[in-house]
């Protein structure tokens, strides 16, 4: 497969999971990793992993495995996650603060460039390296800082307003941490993360 071709949803999802494992493996000091080790961490069959990776070239050797750094770089190229991407976080509460304080985004080249909230008591509060800004300034700040990704970390009843503000500011990718079903234009990608749904998925395979 040519890396310029658009990936299927399934392949993109699996490559993202491989990327997560490889990032952690590198932090653990693992120079090499086998498809079987990746399989154990992802619950994806090792044969499927080798098939996915071989579609983009020869990255490993039988019996030796993959060079962690090299494979990590190649998957980032395939997923087009090289360089830095600026993100806006809406919600300066406990969830938003936890997200802003986590290194996980920076590990993947994603920079939290702005934090917004509607609560006057939160505006101006320091969260990590940033101070929370007013939602009234979201359009100007998103333009100035070239932000195309937004993360919603507010209660469900406030999520649609947050999404509308992000979209009006030019954001094209919205990651929704609330349970709300968002109404967005067709050209905006929305990804919703719900821990309860993930737990139900895991429980199904344990209980059946």
N, C-alpha and C. Protein backbone atom coordinates (compact mmCIF):
# COMPACT_ATOMS: atom_id res chain seq x y z
N UNK A 1 0.84 -1.20 0.00
CA UNK A 1 0.00 0.00 0.00
C UNK A 1 0.87 1.25 0.00
N UNK A 2 0.53 2.20 -0.83
CA UNK A 2 1.25 3.47 -0.88
C UNK A 2 0.85 4.32 0.32
N UNK A 3 1.84 4.93 1.00
CA UNK A 3 1.54 5.71 2.20
C UNK A 3 0.72 6.96 1.89
N UNK A 4 0.61 7.32 0.61
CA UNK A 4 -0.20 8.48 0.24
C UNK A 4 -1.68 8.12 0.11
N UNK A 5 -1.99 6.81 0.07
CA UNK A 5 -3.37 6.38 -0.04
C UNK A 5 -4.08 6.55 1.30
N UNK A 6 -5.39 6.77 1.23
CA UNK A 6 -6.17 6.92 2.45
C UNK A 6 -6.37 5.55 3.09
N UNK A 7 -6.13 5.46 4.39
CA UNK A 7 -6.28 4.20 5.11
C UNK A 7 -7.75 3.89 5.37
N UNK A 8 -8.06 2.61 5.48
CA UNK A 8 -9.40 2.24 5.93
C UNK A 8 -9.50 2.54 7.43
N UNK A 9 -10.72 2.63 7.93
CA UNK A 9 -10.92 2.92 9.35
C UNK A 9 -10.27 1.85 10.22
N UNK A 10 -10.41 0.58 9.81
CA UNK A 10 -9.84 -0.51 10.59
C UNK A 10 -8.33 -0.46 10.67
N UNK A 11 -7.68 -0.22 9.54
CA UNK A 11 -6.22 -0.15 9.52
C UNK A 11 -5.73 1.04 10.34
N UNK A 12 -6.37 2.19 10.17
CA UNK A 12 -5.96 3.38 10.93
C UNK A 12 -6.10 3.15 12.43
N UNK A 13 -7.18 2.48 12.83
CA UNK A 13 -7.41 2.21 14.25
C UNK A 13 -6.33 1.28 14.81
N UNK A 14 -6.00 0.23 14.04
CA UNK A 14 -4.99 -0.71 14.51
C UNK A 14 -3.61 -0.07 14.55
N UNK A 15 -3.26 0.70 13.53
CA UNK A 15 -1.95 1.36 13.52
C UNK A 15 -1.82 2.33 14.70
N UNK A 16 -2.91 2.98 15.06
CA UNK A 16 -2.88 3.89 16.20
C UNK A 16 -2.60 3.13 17.49
N UNK A 17 -3.14 1.93 17.59
CA UNK A 17 -2.89 1.11 18.78
C UNK A 17 -1.44 0.61 18.80
N UNK A 18 -0.91 0.26 17.63
CA UNK A 18 0.50 -0.14 17.57
C UNK A 18 1.39 1.03 17.99
N UNK A 19 1.02 2.22 17.55
CA UNK A 19 1.79 3.42 17.88
C UNK A 19 1.83 3.64 19.39
N UNK A 20 0.70 3.43 20.03
CA UNK A 20 0.63 3.58 21.48
C UNK A 20 1.58 2.61 22.19
N UNK A 21 1.56 1.35 21.74
CA UNK A 21 2.42 0.33 22.34
C UNK A 21 3.89 0.67 22.11
N UNK A 22 4.22 1.07 20.90
CA UNK A 22 5.61 1.39 20.57
C UNK A 22 6.12 2.58 21.37
N UNK A 23 5.26 3.57 21.57
CA UNK A 23 5.65 4.74 22.36
C UNK A 23 6.01 4.33 23.78
N UNK A 24 5.18 3.47 24.36
CA UNK A 24 5.46 3.01 25.73
C UNK A 24 6.68 2.09 25.76
N UNK A 25 6.84 1.26 24.73
CA UNK A 25 7.99 0.35 24.67
C UNK A 25 9.30 1.15 24.63
N UNK A 26 9.31 2.22 23.87
CA UNK A 26 10.51 3.06 23.80
C UNK A 26 10.80 3.70 25.16
N UNK A 27 9.75 4.13 25.86
CA UNK A 27 9.94 4.71 27.19
C UNK A 27 10.49 3.69 28.17
N UNK A 28 10.16 2.41 27.93
CA UNK A 28 10.65 1.33 28.79
C UNK A 28 12.07 0.90 28.42
N UNK A 29 12.61 1.49 27.35
CA UNK A 29 13.97 1.16 26.93
C UNK A 29 14.09 -0.06 26.05
N UNK A 30 12.96 -0.48 25.44
CA UNK A 30 12.99 -1.65 24.55
C UNK A 30 13.46 -1.23 23.16
N UNK A 31 14.60 -1.74 22.73
CA UNK A 31 15.13 -1.42 21.41
C UNK A 31 14.41 -2.17 20.31
N UNK A 32 13.93 -3.36 20.63
CA UNK A 32 13.22 -4.18 19.66
C UNK A 32 11.94 -4.73 20.27
N UNK A 33 10.99 -5.02 19.40
CA UNK A 33 9.72 -5.57 19.85
C UNK A 33 9.19 -6.52 18.77
N UNK A 34 8.60 -7.61 19.18
CA UNK A 34 8.08 -8.59 18.23
C UNK A 34 6.59 -8.37 17.99
N UNK A 35 6.09 -8.94 16.92
CA UNK A 35 4.66 -8.85 16.64
C UNK A 35 3.86 -9.55 17.74
N UNK A 36 4.43 -10.60 18.33
CA UNK A 36 3.74 -11.30 19.40
C UNK A 36 3.61 -10.41 20.64
N UNK A 37 4.65 -9.63 20.93
CA UNK A 37 4.58 -8.71 22.07
C UNK A 37 3.53 -7.63 21.82
N UNK A 38 3.50 -7.10 20.61
CA UNK A 38 2.48 -6.09 20.28
C UNK A 38 1.10 -6.70 20.41
N UNK A 39 0.96 -7.96 19.98
CA UNK A 39 -0.32 -8.66 20.06
C UNK A 39 -0.79 -8.78 21.51
N UNK A 40 0.13 -9.08 22.40
CA UNK A 40 -0.23 -9.25 23.81
C UNK A 40 -0.74 -7.96 24.43
N UNK A 41 -0.22 -6.82 23.98
CA UNK A 41 -0.64 -5.54 24.52
C UNK A 41 -1.91 -5.00 23.86
N UNK A 42 -2.19 -5.42 22.64
CA UNK A 42 -3.32 -4.86 21.90
C UNK A 42 -4.49 -5.81 21.73
N UNK A 43 -4.27 -7.11 22.00
CA UNK A 43 -5.27 -8.14 21.74
C UNK A 43 -5.63 -8.23 20.26
N UNK A 44 -4.67 -7.88 19.42
CA UNK A 44 -4.80 -8.05 17.98
C UNK A 44 -3.90 -9.20 17.58
N UNK A 45 -4.41 -10.10 16.76
CA UNK A 45 -3.66 -11.28 16.35
C UNK A 45 -2.31 -10.90 15.73
N UNK A 46 -1.25 -11.62 16.11
CA UNK A 46 0.09 -11.31 15.60
C UNK A 46 0.17 -11.40 14.08
N UNK A 47 -0.58 -12.35 13.51
CA UNK A 47 -0.60 -12.48 12.05
C UNK A 47 -1.18 -11.22 11.41
N UNK A 48 -2.24 -10.68 12.02
CA UNK A 48 -2.86 -9.45 11.51
C UNK A 48 -1.88 -8.28 11.62
N UNK A 49 -1.14 -8.24 12.70
CA UNK A 49 -0.15 -7.17 12.88
C UNK A 49 0.91 -7.22 11.79
N UNK A 50 1.43 -8.42 11.54
CA UNK A 50 2.46 -8.56 10.49
C UNK A 50 1.89 -8.21 9.12
N UNK A 51 0.64 -8.59 8.88
CA UNK A 51 -0.01 -8.27 7.60
C UNK A 51 -0.17 -6.76 7.44
N UNK A 52 -0.62 -6.10 8.50
CA UNK A 52 -0.79 -4.65 8.44
C UNK A 52 0.53 -3.95 8.13
N UNK A 53 1.59 -4.36 8.82
CA UNK A 53 2.88 -3.68 8.66
C UNK A 53 3.54 -4.01 7.33
N UNK A 54 3.39 -5.25 6.87
CA UNK A 54 4.02 -5.64 5.61
C UNK A 54 3.40 -4.94 4.42
N UNK A 55 2.17 -4.43 4.58
CA UNK A 55 1.52 -3.70 3.49
C UNK A 55 2.23 -2.40 3.17
N UNK A 56 3.07 -1.93 4.11
CA UNK A 56 3.76 -0.65 3.92
C UNK A 56 5.26 -0.81 3.73
N UNK A 57 5.75 -2.05 3.70
CA UNK A 57 7.18 -2.27 3.50
C UNK A 57 7.71 -3.34 4.44
N UNK A 58 9.01 -3.54 4.40
CA UNK A 58 9.67 -4.55 5.24
C UNK A 58 10.29 -3.84 6.44
N UNK A 59 9.67 -4.02 7.60
CA UNK A 59 10.14 -3.32 8.79
C UNK A 59 10.85 -4.24 9.79
N UNK A 60 10.60 -5.52 9.74
CA UNK A 60 11.17 -6.42 10.74
C UNK A 60 11.79 -7.65 10.12
N UNK A 61 12.43 -8.47 10.96
CA UNK A 61 13.03 -9.72 10.51
C UNK A 61 12.49 -10.85 11.36
N UNK A 62 12.21 -11.97 10.69
CA UNK A 62 11.69 -13.14 11.40
C UNK A 62 12.66 -13.56 12.51
N UNK A 63 12.13 -13.75 13.69
CA UNK A 63 12.94 -14.17 14.83
C UNK A 63 13.68 -13.05 15.53
N UNK A 64 13.66 -11.87 14.93
CA UNK A 64 14.38 -10.73 15.51
C UNK A 64 13.41 -9.64 15.96
N UNK A 65 12.34 -9.48 15.21
CA UNK A 65 11.35 -8.47 15.55
C UNK A 65 11.61 -7.14 14.86
N UNK A 66 11.00 -6.11 15.38
CA UNK A 66 11.08 -4.77 14.79
C UNK A 66 11.93 -3.85 15.65
N UNK A 67 12.68 -2.98 15.01
CA UNK A 67 13.37 -1.92 15.74
C UNK A 67 12.33 -0.91 16.19
N UNK A 68 12.24 -0.71 17.49
CA UNK A 68 11.17 0.11 18.05
C UNK A 68 11.15 1.52 17.47
N UNK A 69 12.29 2.21 17.48
CA UNK A 69 12.35 3.59 16.98
C UNK A 69 11.98 3.68 15.51
N UNK A 70 12.52 2.76 14.71
CA UNK A 70 12.28 2.80 13.27
C UNK A 70 10.81 2.56 12.95
N UNK A 71 10.20 1.58 13.63
CA UNK A 71 8.80 1.28 13.37
C UNK A 71 7.90 2.42 13.85
N UNK A 72 8.27 3.00 14.97
CA UNK A 72 7.52 4.15 15.49
C UNK A 72 7.52 5.29 14.49
N UNK A 73 8.67 5.59 13.93
CA UNK A 73 8.78 6.67 12.94
C UNK A 73 7.97 6.36 11.68
N UNK A 74 8.03 5.10 11.24
CA UNK A 74 7.31 4.72 10.02
C UNK A 74 5.80 4.82 10.21
N UNK A 75 5.30 4.38 11.36
CA UNK A 75 3.86 4.45 11.59
C UNK A 75 3.41 5.90 11.71
N UNK A 76 4.24 6.75 12.29
CA UNK A 76 3.89 8.17 12.35
C UNK A 76 3.80 8.77 10.95
N UNK A 77 4.70 8.34 10.06
CA UNK A 77 4.62 8.81 8.68
C UNK A 77 3.33 8.35 8.02
N UNK A 78 3.00 7.08 8.24
CA UNK A 78 1.79 6.51 7.63
C UNK A 78 0.55 7.23 8.14
N UNK A 79 0.51 7.50 9.45
CA UNK A 79 -0.65 8.18 10.05
C UNK A 79 -0.58 9.69 9.89
N UNK A 80 0.52 10.18 9.30
CA UNK A 80 0.71 11.61 9.04
C UNK A 80 0.66 12.42 10.33
N UNK A 81 1.31 11.91 11.37
CA UNK A 81 1.33 12.59 12.66
C UNK A 81 2.70 13.19 12.96
N UNK A 82 3.51 13.36 11.93
CA UNK A 82 4.81 14.00 12.14
C UNK A 82 4.60 15.49 12.38
N UNK A 83 5.56 16.12 13.01
CA UNK A 83 5.44 17.55 13.26
C UNK A 83 4.56 17.81 14.47
N UNK A 84 4.11 19.04 14.59
CA UNK A 84 3.31 19.44 15.75
C UNK A 84 1.93 19.90 15.31
N UNK A 85 0.91 19.46 16.03
CA UNK A 85 -0.47 19.86 15.75
C UNK A 85 -1.02 20.56 16.99
N UNK A 86 -1.60 21.72 16.79
CA UNK A 86 -2.10 22.51 17.92
C UNK A 86 -3.55 22.17 18.24
N UNK A 87 -3.82 22.10 19.53
CA UNK A 87 -5.12 21.65 20.02
C UNK A 87 -5.69 22.67 20.99
N UNK A 88 -7.01 22.85 20.94
CA UNK A 88 -7.71 23.69 21.91
C UNK A 88 -8.52 22.80 22.84
N UNK A 89 -8.42 23.05 24.12
CA UNK A 89 -9.14 22.28 25.14
C UNK A 89 -10.23 23.16 25.72
N UNK A 90 -11.47 22.70 25.63
CA UNK A 90 -12.60 23.43 26.22
C UNK A 90 -13.00 22.73 27.51
N UNK A 91 -12.84 23.43 28.62
CA UNK A 91 -13.15 22.86 29.92
C UNK A 91 -11.94 22.90 30.82
N UNK A 92 -11.98 23.76 31.83
CA UNK A 92 -10.84 23.90 32.74
C UNK A 92 -11.15 23.29 34.10
N UNK A 93 -12.11 22.37 34.13
CA UNK A 93 -12.45 21.68 35.37
C UNK A 93 -11.49 20.55 35.66
N UNK A 94 -11.96 19.57 36.45
CA UNK A 94 -11.07 18.48 36.85
C UNK A 94 -10.61 17.64 35.67
N UNK A 95 -11.55 17.30 34.76
CA UNK A 95 -11.16 16.50 33.60
C UNK A 95 -10.22 17.29 32.70
N UNK A 96 -10.58 18.53 32.42
CA UNK A 96 -9.73 19.36 31.56
C UNK A 96 -8.34 19.55 32.14
N UNK A 97 -8.27 19.76 33.45
CA UNK A 97 -6.98 19.93 34.11
C UNK A 97 -6.13 18.67 34.02
N UNK A 98 -6.80 17.51 34.16
CA UNK A 98 -6.07 16.23 34.05
C UNK A 98 -5.53 16.04 32.65
N UNK A 99 -6.33 16.40 31.64
CA UNK A 99 -5.89 16.28 30.25
C UNK A 99 -4.71 17.21 29.99
N UNK A 100 -4.83 18.44 30.47
CA UNK A 100 -3.78 19.44 30.22
C UNK A 100 -2.47 19.06 30.91
N UNK A 101 -2.57 18.34 32.02
CA UNK A 101 -1.37 17.97 32.77
C UNK A 101 -0.73 16.68 32.29
N UNK A 102 -1.42 15.95 31.43
CA UNK A 102 -0.91 14.66 30.95
C UNK A 102 0.11 14.86 29.83
N UNK A 103 1.18 14.07 29.82
CA UNK A 103 2.18 14.18 28.75
C UNK A 103 1.80 13.42 27.49
N UNK A 104 0.66 12.72 27.50
CA UNK A 104 0.35 11.81 26.41
C UNK A 104 0.20 12.51 25.07
N UNK A 105 -0.36 13.73 25.06
CA UNK A 105 -0.52 14.43 23.79
C UNK A 105 0.84 14.83 23.22
N UNK A 106 1.69 15.39 24.08
CA UNK A 106 3.02 15.83 23.62
C UNK A 106 3.83 14.67 23.07
N UNK A 107 3.64 13.48 23.62
CA UNK A 107 4.38 12.31 23.14
C UNK A 107 4.06 11.98 21.69
N UNK A 108 2.91 12.44 21.23
CA UNK A 108 2.49 12.15 19.86
C UNK A 108 2.47 13.41 18.99
N UNK A 109 3.20 14.43 19.40
CA UNK A 109 3.32 15.63 18.58
C UNK A 109 2.10 16.54 18.62
N UNK A 110 1.28 16.40 19.67
CA UNK A 110 0.08 17.24 19.80
C UNK A 110 0.30 18.22 20.94
N UNK A 111 0.17 19.50 20.63
CA UNK A 111 0.45 20.56 21.61
C UNK A 111 -0.85 21.22 22.03
N UNK A 112 -1.12 21.23 23.34
CA UNK A 112 -2.29 21.95 23.85
C UNK A 112 -1.94 23.43 23.82
N UNK A 113 -2.51 24.13 22.85
CA UNK A 113 -2.13 25.53 22.61
C UNK A 113 -3.03 26.52 23.31
N UNK A 114 -4.21 26.07 23.77
CA UNK A 114 -5.13 26.99 24.44
C UNK A 114 -6.14 26.19 25.26
N UNK A 115 -6.58 26.79 26.37
CA UNK A 115 -7.62 26.21 27.22
C UNK A 115 -8.70 27.27 27.42
N UNK A 116 -9.96 26.84 27.29
CA UNK A 116 -11.07 27.78 27.39
C UNK A 116 -12.09 27.31 28.43
N UNK A 117 -12.80 28.29 29.01
CA UNK A 117 -13.88 27.96 29.93
C UNK A 117 -14.86 29.13 29.97
N UNK A 118 -16.09 28.84 30.42
CA UNK A 118 -17.11 29.89 30.54
C UNK A 118 -17.21 30.42 31.97
N UNK A 119 -16.64 29.70 32.92
CA UNK A 119 -16.73 30.08 34.33
C UNK A 119 -15.76 31.22 34.64
N UNK A 120 -16.29 32.38 35.05
CA UNK A 120 -15.40 33.52 35.35
C UNK A 120 -14.33 33.18 36.38
N UNK A 121 -14.62 32.25 37.30
CA UNK A 121 -13.64 31.89 38.32
C UNK A 121 -12.50 31.04 37.74
N UNK A 122 -12.76 30.39 36.61
CA UNK A 122 -11.72 29.57 35.97
C UNK A 122 -10.85 30.39 35.03
N UNK A 123 -11.43 31.43 34.44
CA UNK A 123 -10.71 32.23 33.46
C UNK A 123 -9.52 32.94 34.13
N UNK A 124 -8.36 32.76 33.55
CA UNK A 124 -7.14 33.32 34.11
C UNK A 124 -6.40 32.36 35.02
N UNK A 125 -7.05 31.26 35.39
CA UNK A 125 -6.41 30.26 36.25
C UNK A 125 -5.33 29.52 35.48
N UNK A 126 -4.19 29.30 36.13
CA UNK A 126 -3.09 28.59 35.47
C UNK A 126 -3.34 27.10 35.52
N UNK A 127 -3.27 26.47 34.35
CA UNK A 127 -3.42 25.02 34.23
C UNK A 127 -2.22 24.53 33.43
N UNK A 128 -1.30 23.86 34.08
CA UNK A 128 -0.07 23.48 33.40
C UNK A 128 0.71 24.71 33.01
N UNK A 129 1.03 24.84 31.73
CA UNK A 129 1.82 25.98 31.25
C UNK A 129 0.94 27.11 30.72
N UNK A 130 -0.38 26.92 30.76
CA UNK A 130 -1.29 27.90 30.17
C UNK A 130 -2.22 28.49 31.22
N UNK A 131 -2.84 29.60 30.85
CA UNK A 131 -3.93 30.16 31.64
C UNK A 131 -5.22 30.00 30.85
N UNK A 132 -6.28 29.66 31.55
CA UNK A 132 -7.57 29.47 30.88
C UNK A 132 -8.07 30.80 30.32
N UNK A 133 -8.55 30.75 29.09
CA UNK A 133 -9.08 31.93 28.42
C UNK A 133 -10.60 31.87 28.36
N UNK A 134 -11.21 33.01 28.12
CA UNK A 134 -12.66 33.08 27.99
C UNK A 134 -13.10 32.50 26.65
N UNK A 135 -14.26 31.87 26.65
CA UNK A 135 -14.82 31.36 25.40
C UNK A 135 -15.09 32.49 24.41
N UNK A 136 -15.23 33.70 24.92
CA UNK A 136 -15.46 34.84 24.03
C UNK A 136 -14.28 35.07 23.08
N UNK A 137 -13.10 34.57 23.47
CA UNK A 137 -11.89 34.80 22.68
C UNK A 137 -11.50 33.60 21.82
N UNK A 138 -12.34 32.58 21.78
CA UNK A 138 -11.94 31.32 21.15
C UNK A 138 -11.63 31.47 19.67
N UNK A 139 -12.45 32.23 18.94
CA UNK A 139 -12.24 32.37 17.49
C UNK A 139 -10.90 33.04 17.19
N UNK A 140 -10.62 34.13 17.89
CA UNK A 140 -9.37 34.86 17.65
C UNK A 140 -8.16 34.02 18.01
N UNK A 141 -8.20 33.36 19.16
CA UNK A 141 -7.04 32.57 19.61
C UNK A 141 -6.81 31.37 18.70
N UNK A 142 -7.88 30.71 18.28
CA UNK A 142 -7.72 29.55 17.39
C UNK A 142 -7.10 29.95 16.07
N UNK A 143 -7.48 31.11 15.55
CA UNK A 143 -6.89 31.59 14.30
C UNK A 143 -5.42 31.94 14.50
N UNK A 144 -5.13 32.67 15.56
CA UNK A 144 -3.76 33.12 15.81
C UNK A 144 -2.80 31.95 16.05
N UNK A 145 -3.30 30.88 16.66
CA UNK A 145 -2.43 29.76 17.03
C UNK A 145 -2.59 28.55 16.10
N UNK A 146 -3.29 28.77 15.00
CA UNK A 146 -3.43 27.72 13.97
C UNK A 146 -3.95 26.41 14.58
N UNK A 147 -5.05 26.51 15.29
CA UNK A 147 -5.64 25.35 15.96
C UNK A 147 -6.70 24.73 15.06
N UNK A 148 -6.57 23.42 14.80
CA UNK A 148 -7.55 22.73 13.97
C UNK A 148 -8.21 21.56 14.71
N UNK A 149 -7.75 21.29 15.94
CA UNK A 149 -8.29 20.19 16.74
C UNK A 149 -8.83 20.74 18.04
N UNK A 150 -10.02 20.28 18.43
CA UNK A 150 -10.61 20.70 19.70
C UNK A 150 -10.98 19.51 20.56
N UNK A 151 -10.74 19.63 21.85
CA UNK A 151 -11.13 18.60 22.81
C UNK A 151 -12.18 19.19 23.75
N UNK A 152 -13.30 18.49 23.87
CA UNK A 152 -14.39 18.94 24.73
C UNK A 152 -14.35 18.16 26.03
N UNK A 153 -14.12 18.87 27.13
CA UNK A 153 -14.06 18.25 28.46
C UNK A 153 -15.01 18.99 29.40
N UNK A 154 -16.27 19.05 28.99
CA UNK A 154 -17.30 19.74 29.78
C UNK A 154 -18.48 18.79 29.96
N UNK A 155 -19.41 19.08 30.88
CA UNK A 155 -20.60 18.24 31.04
C UNK A 155 -21.40 18.16 29.75
N UNK A 156 -22.18 17.08 29.62
CA UNK A 156 -22.93 16.83 28.39
C UNK A 156 -23.83 17.99 28.00
N UNK A 157 -24.43 18.65 28.99
CA UNK A 157 -25.37 19.73 28.68
C UNK A 157 -24.67 20.96 28.09
N UNK A 158 -23.36 21.03 28.23
CA UNK A 158 -22.61 22.17 27.68
C UNK A 158 -21.82 21.81 26.43
N UNK A 159 -21.84 20.53 26.06
CA UNK A 159 -20.96 20.05 24.99
C UNK A 159 -21.32 20.62 23.63
N UNK A 160 -22.61 20.74 23.31
CA UNK A 160 -22.99 21.25 21.99
C UNK A 160 -22.54 22.69 21.81
N UNK A 161 -22.71 23.51 22.85
CA UNK A 161 -22.25 24.91 22.77
C UNK A 161 -20.74 24.96 22.56
N UNK A 162 -20.02 24.06 23.25
CA UNK A 162 -18.56 24.02 23.09
C UNK A 162 -18.19 23.62 21.66
N UNK A 163 -18.90 22.62 21.13
CA UNK A 163 -18.63 22.17 19.77
C UNK A 163 -18.92 23.28 18.76
N UNK A 164 -20.03 23.97 18.95
CA UNK A 164 -20.40 25.06 18.03
C UNK A 164 -19.32 26.14 18.03
N UNK A 165 -18.83 26.48 19.21
CA UNK A 165 -17.80 27.53 19.31
C UNK A 165 -16.51 27.09 18.63
N UNK A 166 -16.12 25.84 18.83
CA UNK A 166 -14.90 25.33 18.19
C UNK A 166 -15.04 25.34 16.67
N UNK A 167 -16.18 24.88 16.19
CA UNK A 167 -16.39 24.81 14.74
C UNK A 167 -16.43 26.20 14.13
N UNK A 168 -17.10 27.13 14.80
CA UNK A 168 -17.13 28.52 14.32
C UNK A 168 -15.72 29.12 14.28
N UNK A 169 -14.83 28.59 15.13
CA UNK A 169 -13.45 29.08 15.18
C UNK A 169 -12.55 28.41 14.15
N UNK A 170 -13.13 27.49 13.36
CA UNK A 170 -12.36 26.85 12.29
C UNK A 170 -11.86 25.46 12.60
N UNK A 171 -12.20 24.92 13.76
CA UNK A 171 -11.76 23.57 14.13
C UNK A 171 -12.48 22.53 13.27
N UNK A 172 -11.73 21.54 12.77
CA UNK A 172 -12.29 20.52 11.89
C UNK A 172 -12.30 19.12 12.51
N UNK A 173 -11.62 18.97 13.66
CA UNK A 173 -11.59 17.68 14.35
C UNK A 173 -11.97 17.93 15.80
N UNK A 174 -13.01 17.24 16.26
CA UNK A 174 -13.49 17.42 17.63
C UNK A 174 -13.42 16.09 18.37
N UNK A 175 -12.73 16.10 19.49
CA UNK A 175 -12.68 14.91 20.35
C UNK A 175 -13.56 15.20 21.55
N UNK A 176 -14.61 14.40 21.70
CA UNK A 176 -15.67 14.67 22.67
C UNK A 176 -15.57 13.72 23.86
N UNK A 177 -15.25 14.27 25.03
CA UNK A 177 -15.17 13.46 26.25
C UNK A 177 -16.51 13.41 26.99
N UNK A 178 -17.54 14.06 26.47
CA UNK A 178 -18.84 14.01 27.11
C UNK A 178 -19.69 12.91 26.48
N UNK A 179 -20.88 12.67 27.07
CA UNK A 179 -21.78 11.66 26.52
C UNK A 179 -22.72 12.24 25.47
N UNK A 180 -22.63 13.54 25.23
CA UNK A 180 -23.56 14.20 24.31
C UNK A 180 -23.40 13.72 22.88
N UNK A 181 -24.52 13.63 22.17
CA UNK A 181 -24.51 13.36 20.74
C UNK A 181 -24.46 14.71 20.03
N UNK A 182 -23.35 15.00 19.42
CA UNK A 182 -23.13 16.33 18.86
C UNK A 182 -23.67 16.46 17.45
N UNK A 183 -24.28 17.58 17.17
CA UNK A 183 -24.77 17.91 15.83
C UNK A 183 -23.73 18.81 15.18
N UNK A 184 -23.04 18.28 14.16
CA UNK A 184 -21.95 19.02 13.54
C UNK A 184 -22.05 18.94 12.02
N UNK A 185 -21.41 19.86 11.30
CA UNK A 185 -21.40 19.80 9.83
C UNK A 185 -20.70 18.55 9.33
N UNK A 186 -21.00 18.18 8.10
CA UNK A 186 -20.46 16.95 7.52
C UNK A 186 -18.94 16.98 7.38
N UNK A 187 -18.36 18.17 7.27
CA UNK A 187 -16.90 18.24 7.07
C UNK A 187 -16.12 18.29 8.38
N UNK A 188 -16.81 18.11 9.50
CA UNK A 188 -16.16 18.09 10.81
C UNK A 188 -16.16 16.66 11.34
N UNK A 189 -14.99 16.17 11.71
CA UNK A 189 -14.86 14.82 12.28
C UNK A 189 -15.06 14.88 13.79
N UNK A 190 -15.95 14.03 14.29
CA UNK A 190 -16.21 13.98 15.73
C UNK A 190 -15.87 12.58 16.24
N UNK A 191 -15.06 12.52 17.28
CA UNK A 191 -14.71 11.25 17.92
C UNK A 191 -15.11 11.36 19.39
N UNK A 192 -15.97 10.45 19.83
CA UNK A 192 -16.45 10.47 21.21
C UNK A 192 -15.81 9.36 22.02
N UNK A 193 -15.29 9.71 23.18
CA UNK A 193 -14.67 8.73 24.08
C UNK A 193 -15.53 8.59 25.32
N UNK A 194 -16.05 7.38 25.53
CA UNK A 194 -16.91 7.11 26.68
C UNK A 194 -16.36 5.90 27.42
N UNK A 195 -15.81 6.08 28.62
CA UNK A 195 -15.22 4.95 29.35
C UNK A 195 -16.20 3.81 29.59
N UNK A 196 -17.48 4.14 29.80
CA UNK A 196 -18.48 3.09 30.05
C UNK A 196 -18.63 2.19 28.83
N UNK A 197 -18.62 2.78 27.64
CA UNK A 197 -18.75 2.00 26.42
C UNK A 197 -17.53 1.10 26.24
N UNK A 198 -16.35 1.64 26.50
CA UNK A 198 -15.13 0.84 26.40
C UNK A 198 -15.16 -0.32 27.39
N UNK A 199 -15.69 -0.07 28.59
CA UNK A 199 -15.78 -1.12 29.61
C UNK A 199 -16.76 -2.20 29.18
N UNK A 200 -17.90 -1.80 28.63
CA UNK A 200 -18.88 -2.78 28.15
C UNK A 200 -18.29 -3.65 27.06
N UNK A 201 -17.51 -3.04 26.18
CA UNK A 201 -16.85 -3.77 25.10
C UNK A 201 -15.91 -4.82 25.67
N UNK A 202 -15.10 -4.41 26.67
CA UNK A 202 -14.16 -5.34 27.29
C UNK A 202 -14.88 -6.45 28.04
N UNK A 203 -15.95 -6.10 28.74
CA UNK A 203 -16.70 -7.09 29.52
C UNK A 203 -17.34 -8.14 28.63
N UNK A 204 -17.79 -7.71 27.44
CA UNK A 204 -18.43 -8.66 26.53
C UNK A 204 -17.49 -9.81 26.21
N UNK A 205 -16.24 -9.49 25.89
CA UNK A 205 -15.28 -10.53 25.51
C UNK A 205 -14.83 -11.35 26.72
N UNK A 206 -14.95 -10.79 27.92
CA UNK A 206 -14.60 -11.55 29.12
C UNK A 206 -15.73 -12.49 29.52
N UNK A 207 -16.97 -12.05 29.31
CA UNK A 207 -18.12 -12.80 29.80
C UNK A 207 -18.70 -13.78 28.79
N UNK A 208 -18.24 -13.71 27.53
CA UNK A 208 -18.81 -14.61 26.52
C UNK A 208 -17.75 -15.58 26.01
